[in-house]
C-alpha cells in the first residue's frame, strides 16, 4: 500500500486503535498484499465513543461488552446488573481502551 493510502487510513480510522499501536499498523499496511488491502478497507471497526455512550446508558445490561465482542463479560454484567453498579462504574473507565484493543486485534487478524 502506498504512503498516501496509509496516511488516509490512519487519519480516518486511527482513533479506533490504541495510540501505541499506530506505528505497527503503519508498518503492517506498508507490507500487505492487494487482497488484504481490500479486506482491511472493508472491515468495520467499533467506535470507542459509541461504546462509552452505550456503557453510560445501558452498561448495567452489558450491551457495551456485547458490542465489542466480549460475550462472556456481557452475560456476566447482564445477570448481575453490572454487579449492582460497581462493575458498570469501573467499565466507564475501561470500555474505551477495551474497544480500541478489540479493534486492533480485528485489524491484526485481517492484515495477516
PDB file of N, CA and C in Angstrom:
ATOM      1  N   UNK A   1       0.860  -1.160   0.000  1.00  0.00           N
ATOM      2  CA  UNK A   1       0.000   0.000   0.000  1.00  0.00           C
ATOM      3  C   UNK A   1       0.911   1.230   0.000  1.00  0.00           C
ATOM      4  N   UNK A   2       0.531   2.242  -0.732  1.00  0.00           N
ATOM      5  CA  UNK A   2       1.380   3.432  -0.796  1.00  0.00           C
ATOM      6  C   UNK A   2       1.151   4.337   0.425  1.00  0.00           C
ATOM      7  N   UNK A   3       2.072   5.264   0.621  1.00  0.00           N
ATOM      8  CA  UNK A   3       2.079   6.112   1.820  1.00  0.00           C
ATOM      9  C   UNK A   3       0.824   6.972   1.930  1.00  0.00           C
ATOM     10  N   UNK A   4       0.295   7.416   0.797  1.00  0.00           N
ATOM     11  CA  UNK A   4      -0.913   8.252   0.823  1.00  0.00           C
ATOM     12  C   UNK A   4      -2.114   7.487   1.380  1.00  0.00           C
ATOM     13  N   UNK A   5      -2.288   6.243   0.941  1.00  0.00           N
ATOM     14  CA  UNK A   5      -3.390   5.413   1.437  1.00  0.00           C
ATOM     15  C   UNK A   5      -3.207   5.086   2.917  1.00  0.00           C
ATOM     16  N   UNK A   6      -1.968   4.846   3.320  1.00  0.00           N
ATOM     17  CA  UNK A   6      -1.694   4.554   4.727  1.00  0.00           C
ATOM     18  C   UNK A   6      -2.052   5.749   5.591  1.00  0.00           C
ATOM     19  N   UNK A   7      -1.633   6.933   5.181  1.00  0.00           N
ATOM     20  CA  UNK A   7      -1.948   8.147   5.942  1.00  0.00           C
ATOM     21  C   UNK A   7      -3.444   8.414   5.978  1.00  0.00           C
ATOM     22  N   UNK A   8      -4.144   8.138   4.888  1.00  0.00           N
ATOM     23  CA  UNK A   8      -5.600   8.306   4.858  1.00  0.00           C
ATOM     24  C   UNK A   8      -6.276   7.336   5.820  1.00  0.00           C
ATOM     25  N   UNK A   9      -5.812   6.082   5.838  1.00  0.00           N
ATOM     26  CA  UNK A   9      -6.370   5.094   6.758  1.00  0.00           C
ATOM     27  C   UNK A   9      -6.170   5.528   8.209  1.00  0.00           C
ATOM     28  N   UNK A  10      -4.960   5.974   8.541  1.00  0.00           N
ATOM     29  CA  UNK A  10      -4.662   6.409   9.908  1.00  0.00           C
ATOM     30  C   UNK A  10      -5.479   7.651  10.260  1.00  0.00           C
ATOM     31  N   UNK A  11      -5.642   8.569   9.316  1.00  0.00           N
ATOM     32  CA  UNK A  11      -6.409   9.788   9.592  1.00  0.00           C
ATOM     33  C   UNK A  11      -7.883   9.495   9.827  1.00  0.00           C
ATOM     34  N   UNK A  12      -8.440   8.540   9.089  1.00  0.00           N
ATOM     35  CA  UNK A  12      -9.871   8.268   9.222  1.00  0.00           C
ATOM     36  C   UNK A  12     -10.202   7.263  10.308  1.00  0.00           C
ATOM     37  N   UNK A  13      -9.328   6.288  10.536  1.00  0.00           N
ATOM     38  CA  UNK A  13      -9.651   5.216  11.476  1.00  0.00           C
ATOM     39  C   UNK A  13      -8.676   5.100  12.636  1.00  0.00           C
ATOM     40  N   UNK A  14      -7.703   5.983  12.708  1.00  0.00           N
ATOM     41  CA  UNK A  14      -6.680   5.902  13.740  1.00  0.00           C
ATOM     42  C   UNK A  14      -7.206   6.056  15.149  1.00  0.00           C
ATOM     43  N   UNK A  15      -8.298   6.798  15.316  1.00  0.00           N
ATOM     44  CA  UNK A  15      -8.852   6.995  16.661  1.00  0.00           C
ATOM     45  C   UNK A  15      -9.522   5.733  17.202  1.00  0.00           C
ATOM     46  N   UNK A  16      -9.715   4.732  16.353  1.00  0.00           N
ATOM     47  CA  UNK A  16     -10.316   3.474  16.786  1.00  0.00           C
ATOM     48  C   UNK A  16      -9.295   2.485  17.339  1.00  0.00           C
ATOM     49  N   UNK A  17      -8.011   2.854  17.320  1.00  0.00           N
ATOM     50  CA  UNK A  17      -6.949   1.962  17.755  1.00  0.00           C
ATOM     51  C   UNK A  17      -6.166   2.590  18.900  1.00  0.00           C
ATOM     52  N   UNK A  18      -5.490   1.771  19.706  1.00  0.00           N
ATOM     53  CA  UNK A  18      -4.615   2.333  20.747  1.00  0.00           C
ATOM     54  C   UNK A  18      -3.490   3.155  20.105  1.00  0.00           C
ATOM     55  N   UNK A  19      -3.138   4.259  20.730  1.00  0.00           N
ATOM     56  CA  UNK A  19      -2.124   5.154  20.189  1.00  0.00           C
ATOM     57  C   UNK A  19      -0.795   4.442  19.988  1.00  0.00           C
ATOM     58  N   UNK A  20      -0.419   3.587  20.916  1.00  0.00           N
ATOM     59  CA  UNK A  20       0.870   2.906  20.817  1.00  0.00           C
ATOM     60  C   UNK A  20       0.922   1.884  19.685  1.00  0.00           C
ATOM     61  N   UNK A  21      -0.224   1.518  19.108  1.00  0.00           N
ATOM     62  CA  UNK A  21      -0.239   0.534  18.027  1.00  0.00           C
ATOM     63  C   UNK A  21      -0.153   1.168  16.637  1.00  0.00           C
ATOM     64  N   UNK A  22      -0.229   2.474  16.529  1.00  0.00           N
ATOM     65  CA  UNK A  22      -0.232   3.149  15.231  1.00  0.00           C
ATOM     66  C   UNK A  22       1.034   2.850  14.418  1.00  0.00           C
ATOM     67  N   UNK A  23       2.244   2.909  14.998  1.00  0.00           N
ATOM     68  CA  UNK A  23       3.430   2.562  14.189  1.00  0.00           C
ATOM     69  C   UNK A  23       3.386   1.127  13.652  1.00  0.00           C
ATOM     70  N   UNK A  24       2.885   0.188  14.439  1.00  0.00           N
ATOM     71  CA  UNK A  24       2.783  -1.194  13.995  1.00  0.00           C
ATOM     72  C   UNK A  24       1.760  -1.315  12.860  1.00  0.00           C
ATOM     73  N   UNK A  25       0.675  -0.574  12.967  1.00  0.00           N
ATOM     74  CA  UNK A  25      -0.341  -0.586  11.912  1.00  0.00           C
ATOM     75  C   UNK A  25       0.243  -0.033  10.618  1.00  0.00           C
ATOM     76  N   UNK A  26       0.979   1.073  10.712  1.00  0.00           N
ATOM     77  CA  UNK A  26       1.601   1.642   9.512  1.00  0.00           C
ATOM     78  C   UNK A  26       2.553   0.646   8.863  1.00  0.00           C
ATOM     79  N   UNK A  27       3.356  -0.015   9.671  1.00  0.00           N
ATOM     80  CA  UNK A  27       4.303  -0.997   9.143  1.00  0.00           C
ATOM     81  C   UNK A  27       3.582  -2.148   8.463  1.00  0.00           C
ATOM     82  N   UNK A  28       2.516  -2.631   9.110  1.00  0.00           N
ATOM     83  CA  UNK A  28       1.751  -3.745   8.548  1.00  0.00           C
ATOM     84  C   UNK A  28       1.087  -3.330   7.233  1.00  0.00           C
ATOM     85  N   UNK A  29       0.546  -2.109   7.183  1.00  0.00           N
ATOM     86  CA  UNK A  29      -0.106  -1.638   5.960  1.00  0.00           C
ATOM     87  C   UNK A  29       0.885  -1.473   4.810  1.00  0.00           C
ATOM     88  N   UNK A  30       2.097  -1.107   5.119  1.00  0.00           N
ATOM     89  CA  UNK A  30       3.105  -0.909   4.071  1.00  0.00           C
ATOM     90  C   UNK A  30       3.496  -2.224   3.405  1.00  0.00           C
ATOM     91  N   UNK A  31       3.262  -3.352   4.073  1.00  0.00           N
ATOM     92  CA  UNK A  31       3.727  -4.640   3.566  1.00  0.00           C
ATOM     93  C   UNK A  31       2.608  -5.633   3.252  1.00  0.00           C
ATOM     94  N   UNK A  32       1.389  -5.161   3.019  1.00  0.00           N
ATOM     95  CA  UNK A  32       0.295  -6.101   2.772  1.00  0.00           C
ATOM     96  C   UNK A  32       0.052  -6.290   1.287  1.00  0.00           C
ATOM     97  N   UNK A  33      -0.635  -7.363   0.974  1.00  0.00           N
ATOM     98  CA  UNK A  33      -0.991  -7.670  -0.410  1.00  0.00           C
ATOM     99  C   UNK A  33      -2.245  -6.881  -0.803  1.00  0.00           C
ATOM    100  N   UNK A  34      -2.498  -6.735  -2.093  1.00  0.00           N
ATOM    101  CA  UNK A  34      -3.715  -6.016  -2.540  1.00  0.00           C
ATOM    102  C   UNK A  34      -5.009  -6.657  -2.028  1.00  0.00           C
ATOM    103  N   UNK A  35      -5.031  -7.983  -1.900  1.00  0.00           N
ATOM    104  CA  UNK A  35      -6.239  -8.651  -1.393  1.00  0.00           C
ATOM    105  C   UNK A  35      -6.492  -8.275   0.063  1.00  0.00           C
ATOM    106  N   UNK A  36      -5.429  -8.258   0.853  1.00  0.00           N
ATOM    107  CA  UNK A  36      -5.562  -7.875   2.258  1.00  0.00           C
ATOM    108  C   UNK A  36      -5.928  -6.405   2.388  1.00  0.00           C
ATOM    109  N   UNK A  37      -5.427  -5.594   1.463  1.00  0.00           N
ATOM    110  CA  UNK A  37      -5.751  -4.164   1.483  1.00  0.00           C
ATOM    111  C   UNK A  37      -7.249  -3.948   1.350  1.00  0.00           C
ATOM    112  N   UNK A  38      -7.874  -4.660   0.442  1.00  0.00           N
ATOM    113  CA  UNK A  38      -9.325  -4.534   0.258  1.00  0.00           C
ATOM    114  C   UNK A  38     -10.076  -5.006   1.504  1.00  0.00           C
ATOM    115  N   UNK A  39      -9.613  -6.092   2.119  1.00  0.00           N
ATOM    116  CA  UNK A  39     -10.268  -6.607   3.319  1.00  0.00           C
ATOM    117  C   UNK A  39     -10.153  -5.620   4.469  1.00  0.00           C
ATOM    118  N   UNK A  40      -8.995  -5.004   4.617  1.00  0.00           N
ATOM    119  CA  UNK A  40      -8.787  -4.037   5.697  1.00  0.00           C
ATOM    120  C   UNK A  40      -9.670  -2.813   5.500  1.00  0.00           C
ATOM    121  N   UNK A  41      -9.753  -2.336   4.273  1.00  0.00           N
ATOM    122  CA  UNK A  41     -10.574  -1.153   3.992  1.00  0.00           C
ATOM    123  C   UNK A  41     -12.058  -1.438   4.197  1.00  0.00           C
ATOM    124  N   UNK A  42     -12.472  -2.675   3.978  1.00  0.00           N
ATOM    125  CA  UNK A  42     -13.886  -3.035   4.117  1.00  0.00           C
ATOM    126  C   UNK A  42     -14.284  -3.384   5.549  1.00  0.00           C
ATOM    127  N   UNK A  43     -13.312  -3.612   6.413  1.00  0.00           N
ATOM    128  CA  UNK A  43     -13.605  -4.008   7.791  1.00  0.00           C
ATOM    129  C   UNK A  43     -14.170  -2.830   8.582  1.00  0.00           C
ATOM    130  N   UNK A  44     -15.231  -3.100   9.321  1.00  0.00           N
ATOM    131  CA  UNK A  44     -15.837  -2.087  10.188  1.00  0.00           C
ATOM    132  C   UNK A  44     -15.234  -2.196  11.577  1.00  0.00           C
ATOM    133  N   UNK A  45     -14.852  -1.078  12.124  1.00  0.00           N
ATOM    134  CA  UNK A  45     -14.292  -1.033  13.477  1.00  0.00           C
ATOM    135  C   UNK A  45     -15.276  -0.318  14.392  1.00  0.00           C
ATOM    136  N   UNK A  46     -15.405  -0.801  15.613  1.00  0.00           N
ATOM    137  CA  UNK A  46     -16.332  -0.235  16.582  1.00  0.00           C
ATOM    138  C   UNK A  46     -15.803   1.100  17.091  1.00  0.00           C
ATOM    139  N   UNK A  47     -16.669   2.075  17.131  1.00  0.00           N
ATOM    140  CA  UNK A  47     -16.281   3.395  17.616  1.00  0.00           C
ATOM    141  C   UNK A  47     -16.167   3.383  19.140  1.00  0.00           C
ATOM    142  N   UNK A  48     -15.026   3.826  19.687  1.00  0.00           N
ATOM    143  CA  UNK A  48     -14.904   3.921  21.139  1.00  0.00           C
ATOM    144  C   UNK A  48     -15.904   4.895  21.751  1.00  0.00           C
ATOM    145  N   UNK A  49     -16.281   5.914  21.010  1.00  0.00           N
ATOM    146  CA  UNK A  49     -17.276   6.876  21.508  1.00  0.00           C
ATOM    147  C   UNK A  49     -18.632   6.202  21.642  1.00  0.00           C
ATOM    148  N   UNK A  50     -19.004   5.394  20.662  1.00  0.00           N
ATOM    149  CA  UNK A  50     -20.266   4.659  20.741  1.00  0.00           C
ATOM    150  C   UNK A  50     -20.261   3.710  21.937  1.00  0.00           C
ATOM    151  N   UNK A  51     -19.130   3.051  22.173  1.00  0.00           N
ATOM    152  CA  UNK A  51     -19.078   2.112  23.295  1.00  0.00           C
ATOM    153  C   UNK A  51     -19.205   2.826  24.639  1.00  0.00           C
ATOM    154  N   UNK A  52     -18.630   4.019  24.774  1.00  0.00           N
ATOM    155  CA  UNK A  52     -18.765   4.742  26.050  1.00  0.00           C
ATOM    156  C   UNK A  52     -20.194   5.250  26.227  1.00  0.00           C
ATOM    157  N   UNK A  53     -20.833   5.671  25.149  1.00  0.00           N
ATOM    158  CA  UNK A  53     -22.226   6.129  25.243  1.00  0.00           C
ATOM    159  C   UNK A  53     -23.122   4.963  25.658  1.00  0.00           C
ATOM    160  N   UNK A  54     -22.936   3.809  25.025  1.00  0.00           N
ATOM    161  CA  UNK A  54     -23.729   2.638  25.407  1.00  0.00           C
ATOM    162  C   UNK A  54     -23.419   2.190  26.825  1.00  0.00           C
ATOM    163  N   UNK A  55     -22.179   2.362  27.247  1.00  0.00           N
ATOM    164  CA  UNK A  55     -21.813   1.990  28.605  1.00  0.00           C
ATOM    165  C   UNK A  55     -22.521   2.876  29.623  1.00  0.00           C
ATOM    166  N   UNK A  56     -22.626   4.152  29.328  1.00  0.00           N
ATOM    167  CA  UNK A  56     -23.309   5.069  30.242  1.00  0.00           C
ATOM    168  C   UNK A  56     -24.800   4.758  30.286  1.00  0.00           C
ATOM    169  N   UNK A  57     -25.399   4.531  29.119  1.00  0.00           N
ATOM    170  CA  UNK A  57     -26.852   4.357  29.044  1.00  0.00           C
ATOM    171  C   UNK A  57     -27.293   2.937  29.408  1.00  0.00           C
ATOM    172  N   UNK A  58     -26.633   1.932  28.837  1.00  0.00           N
ATOM    173  CA  UNK A  58     -27.081   0.548  29.019  1.00  0.00           C
ATOM    174  C   UNK A  58     -25.992  -0.367  29.580  1.00  0.00           C
ATOM    175  N   UNK A  59     -25.021   0.217  30.243  1.00  0.00           N
ATOM    176  CA  UNK A  59     -23.885  -0.556  30.739  1.00  0.00           C
ATOM    177  C   UNK A  59     -24.245  -1.614  31.753  1.00  0.00           C
ATOM    178  N   UNK A  60     -25.242  -1.377  32.558  1.00  0.00           N
ATOM    179  CA  UNK A  60     -25.632  -2.374  33.563  1.00  0.00           C
ATOM    180  C   UNK A  60     -26.196  -3.640  32.925  1.00  0.00           C
ATOM    181  N   UNK A  61     -26.640  -3.527  31.680  1.00  0.00           N
ATOM    182  CA  UNK A  61     -27.162  -4.690  30.965  1.00  0.00           C
ATOM    183  C   UNK A  61     -26.082  -5.399  30.152  1.00  0.00           C
ATOM    184  N   UNK A  62     -24.886  -4.845  30.118  1.00  0.00           N
ATOM    185  CA  UNK A  62     -23.778  -5.474  29.407  1.00  0.00           C
ATOM    186  C   UNK A  62     -23.756  -5.214  27.914  1.00  0.00           C
ATOM    187  N   UNK A  63     -24.595  -4.309  27.430  1.00  0.00           N
ATOM    188  CA  UNK A  63     -24.677  -4.036  26.000  1.00  0.00           C
ATOM    189  C   UNK A  63     -23.332  -3.567  25.449  1.00  0.00           C
ATOM    190  N   UNK A  64     -22.600  -2.788  26.231  1.00  0.00           N
ATOM    191  CA  UNK A  64     -21.297  -2.296  25.786  1.00  0.00           C
ATOM    192  C   UNK A  64     -20.333  -3.439  25.522  1.00  0.00           C
ATOM    193  N   UNK A  65     -20.351  -4.449  26.366  1.00  0.00           N
ATOM    194  CA  UNK A  65     -19.462  -5.597  26.200  1.00  0.00           C
ATOM    195  C   UNK A  65     -19.909  -6.487  25.035  1.00  0.00           C
ATOM    196  N   UNK A  66     -21.217  -6.625  24.856  1.00  0.00           N
ATOM    197  CA  UNK A  66     -21.703  -7.374  23.696  1.00  0.00           C
ATOM    198  C   UNK A  66     -21.265  -6.687  22.404  1.00  0.00           C
ATOM    199  N   UNK A  67     -21.293  -5.368  22.379  1.00  0.00           N
ATOM    200  CA  UNK A  67     -20.933  -4.597  21.190  1.00  0.00           C
ATOM    201  C   UNK A  67     -19.498  -4.877  20.747  1.00  0.00           C
ATOM    202  N   UNK A  68     -18.571  -4.971  21.687  1.00  0.00           N
ATOM    203  CA  UNK A  68     -17.175  -5.167  21.304  1.00  0.00           C
ATOM    204  C   UNK A  68     -16.794  -6.640  21.187  1.00  0.00           C
ATOM    205  N   UNK A  69     -17.724  -7.536  21.471  1.00  0.00           N
ATOM    206  CA  UNK A  69     -17.466  -8.957  21.286  1.00  0.00           C
ATOM    207  C   UNK A  69     -17.088  -9.715  22.536  1.00  0.00           C
ATOM    208  N   UNK A  70     -17.141  -9.077  23.698  1.00  0.00           N
ATOM    209  CA  UNK A  70     -16.886  -9.765  24.962  1.00  0.00           C
ATOM    210  C   UNK A  70     -18.196 -10.364  25.470  1.00  0.00           C
ATOM    211  N   UNK A  71     -18.606 -11.463  24.842  1.00  0.00           N
ATOM    212  CA  UNK A  71     -19.910 -12.060  25.131  1.00  0.00           C
ATOM    213  C   UNK A  71     -19.989 -12.546  26.575  1.00  0.00           C
ATOM    214  N   UNK A  72     -18.945 -13.195  27.054  1.00  0.00           N
ATOM    215  CA  UNK A  72     -18.946 -13.706  28.429  1.00  0.00           C
ATOM    216  C   UNK A  72     -19.091 -12.598  29.452  1.00  0.00           C
ATOM    217  N   UNK A  73     -18.344 -11.512  29.274  1.00  0.00           N
ATOM    218  CA  UNK A  73     -18.457 -10.377  30.197  1.00  0.00           C
ATOM    219  C   UNK A  73     -19.826  -9.706  30.073  1.00  0.00           C
ATOM    220  N   UNK A  74     -20.351  -9.669  28.857  1.00  0.00           N
ATOM    221  CA  UNK A  74     -21.686  -9.098  28.661  1.00  0.00           C
ATOM    222  C   UNK A  74     -22.750  -9.891  29.399  1.00  0.00           C
ATOM    223  N   UNK A  75     -22.666 -11.210  29.325  1.00  0.00           N
ATOM    224  CA  UNK A  75     -23.630 -12.058  30.044  1.00  0.00           C
ATOM    225  C   UNK A  75     -23.461 -11.886  31.543  1.00  0.00           C
ATOM    226  N   UNK A  76     -22.207 -11.804  31.997  1.00  0.00           N
ATOM    227  CA  UNK A  76     -21.960 -11.594  33.425  1.00  0.00           C
ATOM    228  C   UNK A  76     -22.552 -10.289  33.922  1.00  0.00           C
ATOM    229  N   UNK A  77     -22.369  -9.229  33.156  1.00  0.00           N
ATOM    230  CA  UNK A  77     -22.945  -7.938  33.554  1.00  0.00           C
ATOM    231  C   UNK A  77     -24.461  -7.968  33.498  1.00  0.00           C
ATOM    232  N   UNK A  78     -25.011  -8.650  32.506  1.00  0.00           N
ATOM    233  CA  UNK A  78     -26.459  -8.750  32.372  1.00  0.00           C
ATOM    234  C   UNK A  78     -27.068  -9.494  33.554  1.00  0.00           C
ATOM    235  N   UNK A  79     -26.473 -10.603  33.934  1.00  0.00           N
ATOM    236  CA  UNK A  79     -27.026 -11.414  35.017  1.00  0.00           C
ATOM    237  C   UNK A  79     -26.859 -10.782  36.396  1.00  0.00           C
ATOM    238  N   UNK A  80     -25.813  -9.977  36.572  1.00  0.00           N
ATOM    239  CA  UNK A  80     -25.573  -9.374  37.885  1.00  0.00           C
ATOM    240  C   UNK A  80     -26.016  -7.912  37.957  1.00  0.00           C
ATOM    241  N   UNK A  81     -26.564  -7.405  36.858  1.00  0.00           N
ATOM    242  CA  UNK A  81     -26.962  -5.992  36.847  1.00  0.00           C
ATOM    243  C   UNK A  81     -25.754  -5.074  36.979  1.00  0.00           C
ATOM    244  N   UNK A  82     -24.664  -5.469  36.335  1.00  0.00           N
ATOM    245  CA  UNK A  82     -23.436  -4.674  36.447  1.00  0.00           C
ATOM    246  C   UNK A  82     -22.847  -4.769  37.836  1.00  0.00           C
ATOM    247  N   UNK A  83     -23.046  -5.926  38.498  1.00  0.00           N
ATOM    248  CA  UNK A  83     -22.601  -6.156  39.881  1.00  0.00           C
ATOM    249  C   UNK A  83     -23.111  -5.034  40.780  1.00  0.00           C
ATOM    250  N   UNK A  84     -24.400  -4.784  40.644  1.00  0.00           N
ATOM    251  CA  UNK A  84     -25.091  -3.746  41.429  1.00  0.00           C
ATOM    252  C   UNK A  84     -24.480  -2.357  41.203  1.00  0.00           C
ATOM    253  N   UNK A  85     -23.989  -2.126  40.016  1.00  0.00           N
ATOM    254  CA  UNK A  85     -23.486  -0.810  39.668  1.00  0.00           C
ATOM    255  C   UNK A  85     -21.983  -0.644  39.788  1.00  0.00           C
ATOM    256  N   UNK A  86     -21.310  -1.515  40.509  1.00  0.00           N
ATOM    257  CA  UNK A  86     -19.863  -1.381  40.698  1.00  0.00           C
ATOM    258  C   UNK A  86     -19.120  -1.706  39.406  1.00  0.00           C
ATOM    259  N   UNK A  87     -19.469  -2.819  38.783  1.00  0.00           N
ATOM    260  CA  UNK A  87     -18.853  -3.225  37.527  1.00  0.00           C
ATOM    261  C   UNK A  87     -19.140  -2.187  36.449  1.00  0.00           C
ATOM    262  N   UNK A  88     -20.341  -1.669  36.450  1.00  0.00           N
ATOM    263  CA  UNK A  88     -20.737  -0.644  35.485  1.00  0.00           C
ATOM    264  C   UNK A  88     -19.858   0.592  35.647  1.00  0.00           C
ATOM    265  N   UNK A  89     -19.623   1.020  36.883  1.00  0.00           N
ATOM    266  CA  UNK A  89     -18.798   2.202  37.143  1.00  0.00           C
ATOM    267  C   UNK A  89     -17.357   1.980  36.704  1.00  0.00           C
ATOM    268  N   UNK A  90     -16.812   0.825  36.975  1.00  0.00           N
ATOM    269  CA  UNK A  90     -15.441   0.514  36.558  1.00  0.00           C
ATOM    270  C   UNK A  90     -15.344   0.484  35.036  1.00  0.00           C
ATOM    271  N   UNK A  91     -16.332  -0.104  34.389  1.00  0.00           N
ATOM    272  CA  UNK A  91     -16.322  -0.193  32.927  1.00  0.00           C
ATOM    273  C   UNK A  91     -16.412   1.177  32.250  1.00  0.00           C
ATOM    274  N   UNK A  92     -16.955   2.153  32.922  1.00  0.00           N
ATOM    275  CA  UNK A  92     -16.978   3.503  32.342  1.00  0.00           C
ATOM    276  C   UNK A  92     -15.564   3.989  32.042  1.00  0.00           C
ATOM    277  N   UNK A  93     -14.608   3.553  32.842  1.00  0.00           N
ATOM    278  CA  UNK A  93     -13.220   3.960  32.649  1.00  0.00           C
ATOM    279  C   UNK A  93     -12.456   3.008  31.730  1.00  0.00           C
ATOM    280  N   UNK A  94     -12.915   1.777  31.591  1.00  0.00           N
ATOM    281  CA  UNK A  94     -12.172   0.766  30.855  1.00  0.00           C
ATOM    282  C   UNK A  94     -12.681   0.493  29.444  1.00  0.00           C
ATOM    283  N   UNK A  95     -13.926   0.827  29.143  1.00  0.00           N
ATOM    284  CA  UNK A  95     -14.548   0.359  27.901  1.00  0.00           C
ATOM    285  C   UNK A  95     -13.911   0.966  26.654  1.00  0.00           C
ATOM    286  N   UNK A  96     -13.468   2.210  26.710  1.00  0.00           N
ATOM    287  CA  UNK A  96     -12.860   2.809  25.512  1.00  0.00           C
ATOM    288  C   UNK A  96     -11.551   2.107  25.151  1.00  0.00           C
ATOM    289  N   UNK A  97     -10.726   1.831  26.149  1.00  0.00           N
ATOM    290  CA  UNK A  97      -9.471   1.117  25.882  1.00  0.00           C
ATOM    291  C   UNK A  97      -9.744  -0.312  25.410  1.00  0.00           C
ATOM    292  N   UNK A  98     -10.745  -0.948  25.997  1.00  0.00           N
ATOM    293  CA  UNK A  98     -11.090  -2.309  25.576  1.00  0.00           C
ATOM    294  C   UNK A  98     -11.575  -2.318  24.128  1.00  0.00           C
ATOM    295  N   UNK A  99     -12.332  -1.315  23.750  1.00  0.00           N
ATOM    296  CA  UNK A  99     -12.814  -1.213  22.365  1.00  0.00           C
ATOM    297  C   UNK A  99     -11.655  -1.022  21.403  1.00  0.00           C
ATOM    298  N   UNK A 100     -10.719  -0.161  21.753  1.00  0.00           N
ATOM    299  CA  UNK A 100      -9.557   0.074  20.892  1.00  0.00           C
ATOM    300  C   UNK A 100      -8.708  -1.179  20.767  1.00  0.00           C
ATOM    301  N   UNK A 101      -8.540  -1.917  21.865  1.00  0.00           N
ATOM    302  CA  UNK A 101      -7.777  -3.169  21.829  1.00  0.00           C
ATOM    303  C   UNK A 101      -8.454  -4.197  20.926  1.00  0.00           C
ATOM    304  N   UNK A 102      -9.771  -4.319  21.040  1.00  0.00           N
ATOM    305  CA  UNK A 102     -10.513  -5.264  20.198  1.00  0.00           C
ATOM    306  C   UNK A 102     -10.410  -4.877  18.725  1.00  0.00           C
ATOM    307  N   UNK A 103     -10.471  -3.581  18.425  1.00  0.00           N
ATOM    308  CA  UNK A 103     -10.313  -3.123  17.045  1.00  0.00           C
ATOM    309  C   UNK A 103      -8.926  -3.482  16.514  1.00  0.00           C
ATOM    310  N   UNK A 104      -7.906  -3.309  17.350  1.00  0.00           N
ATOM    311  CA  UNK A 104      -6.547  -3.645  16.934  1.00  0.00           C
ATOM    312  C   UNK A 104      -6.415  -5.143  16.682  1.00  0.00           C
ATOM    313  N   UNK A 105      -7.008  -5.960  17.538  1.00  0.00           N
ATOM    314  CA  UNK A 105      -6.982  -7.409  17.331  1.00  0.00           C
ATOM    315  C   UNK A 105      -7.665  -7.783  16.016  1.00  0.00           C
ATOM    316  N   UNK A 106      -8.796  -7.134  15.736  1.00  0.00           N
ATOM    317  CA  UNK A 106      -9.504  -7.386  14.469  1.00  0.00           C
ATOM    318  C   UNK A 106      -8.636  -6.995  13.281  1.00  0.00           C
ATOM    319  N   UNK A 107      -7.962  -5.834  13.385  1.00  0.00           N
ATOM    320  CA  UNK A 107      -7.071  -5.383  12.310  1.00  0.00           C
ATOM    321  C   UNK A 107      -5.960  -6.401  12.074  1.00  0.00           C
ATOM    322  N   UNK A 108      -5.341  -6.869  13.150  1.00  0.00           N
ATOM    323  CA  UNK A 108      -4.234  -7.809  13.010  1.00  0.00           C
ATOM    324  C   UNK A 108      -4.691  -9.128  12.395  1.00  0.00           C
ATOM    325  N   UNK A 109      -5.894  -9.572  12.685  1.00  0.00           N
ATOM    326  CA  UNK A 109      -6.406 -10.795  12.097  1.00  0.00           C
ATOM    327  C   UNK A 109      -6.644 -10.620  10.590  1.00  0.00           C
ATOM    328  N   UNK A 110      -7.172  -9.471  10.201  1.00  0.00           N
ATOM    329  CA  UNK A 110      -7.459  -9.223   8.793  1.00  0.00           C
ATOM    330  C   UNK A 110      -6.176  -8.955   8.010  1.00  0.00           C
ATOM    331  N   UNK A 111      -5.205  -8.325   8.637  1.00  0.00           N
ATOM    332  CA  UNK A 111      -3.983  -7.912   7.945  1.00  0.00           C
ATOM    333  C   UNK A 111      -2.982  -9.054   7.756  1.00  0.00           C
ATOM    334  N   UNK A 112      -3.272 -10.229   8.246  1.00  0.00           N
ATOM    335  CA  UNK A 112      -2.317 -11.345   8.095  1.00  0.00           C
ATOM    336  C   UNK A 112      -2.264 -11.873   6.692  1.00  0.00           C
TER     337      UNK A 112
END
